[in-house]
Amino acid sequence: MQEYMRGLFIVMYVLPLTVILYLYVRISRELKVQEGPLAVMMYEARTRADRSRNGSSCQQFR
């Protein structure tokens, strides 16, 4: 019974926790790479492209 409970603890708690922590670290590293001036320029370029593609601009709101 003790081995069953230990196995159940590992499968139901430790394994999912390990996967979540691993994915959290990978995502945070990926996001840190995107920070900085280049990321800001890429965001602004995407925003301008979206506005021109959708046909909306700041002049419509004036």
Protein backbone atom coordinates (compact mmCIF):
# COMPACT_ATOMS: atom_id res chain seq x y z
CA MET A 1 0.00 0.00 0.00
CA GLN A 2 2.85 2.40 0.79
CA GLU A 3 4.44 1.83 -2.63
CA TYR A 4 1.09 2.44 -4.31
CA MET A 5 0.65 5.74 -2.45
CA ARG A 6 4.21 6.81 -3.31
CA GLY A 7 3.64 6.00 -6.99
CA LEU A 8 0.33 7.83 -6.97
CA PHE A 9 1.97 10.88 -5.37
CA ILE A 10 4.68 10.92 -8.02
CA VAL A 11 2.30 10.47 -10.95
CA MET A 12 -0.41 12.85 -9.72
CA TYR A 13 1.70 15.59 -8.08
CA VAL A 14 5.42 15.48 -8.83
CA LEU A 15 5.20 14.70 -12.55
CA PRO A 16 2.69 17.48 -13.43
CA LEU A 17 4.57 19.94 -11.22
CA THR A 18 7.82 19.10 -13.01
CA VAL A 19 6.23 19.58 -16.43
CA ILE A 20 4.70 22.91 -15.41
CA LEU A 21 8.00 24.18 -14.00
CA TYR A 22 9.88 23.11 -17.13
CA LEU A 23 7.41 24.88 -19.41
CA TYR A 24 7.42 27.98 -17.19
CA VAL A 25 11.21 28.23 -17.43
CA ARG A 26 11.18 27.76 -21.22
CA ILE A 27 8.48 30.39 -21.72
CA SER A 28 10.17 32.89 -19.43
CA ARG A 29 13.47 32.46 -21.26
CA GLU A 30 11.72 32.94 -24.60
CA LEU A 31 10.05 36.11 -23.39
CA LYS A 32 13.29 37.50 -22.00
CA VAL A 33 14.92 37.03 -25.40
CA GLN A 34 12.20 39.17 -27.00
CA GLU A 35 12.70 42.08 -24.62
CA GLY A 36 14.80 45.04 -25.67
CA PRO A 37 14.77 47.67 -28.40
CA LEU A 38 14.41 45.19 -31.25
CA ALA A 39 11.27 43.71 -29.71
CA VAL A 40 9.77 47.20 -29.37
CA MET A 41 10.52 47.96 -33.03
CA MET A 42 9.01 44.61 -34.09
CA TYR A 43 5.87 45.31 -32.01
CA GLU A 44 5.47 48.78 -33.54
CA ALA A 45 5.94 47.39 -37.05
CA ARG A 46 3.34 44.69 -36.42
CA THR A 47 0.91 47.26 -35.03
CA ARG A 48 1.32 49.48 -38.11
CA ALA A 49 0.89 46.50 -40.42
CA ASP A 50 -2.28 45.43 -38.62
CA ARG A 51 -3.73 48.92 -38.86
CA SER A 52 -3.02 49.19 -42.58
CA ARG A 53 -4.34 45.68 -43.22
CA ASN A 54 -7.58 46.36 -41.34
CA GLY A 55 -8.02 49.75 -42.96
CA SER A 56 -8.19 51.55 -39.65
CA SER A 57 -6.04 54.50 -38.80
CA CYS A 58 -5.91 57.28 -36.26
CA GLN A 59 -7.37 59.70 -38.81
CA GLN A 60 -10.75 57.97 -38.67
CA PHE A 61 -11.16 58.95 -35.03
CA ARG A 62 -10.54 62.66 -35.55
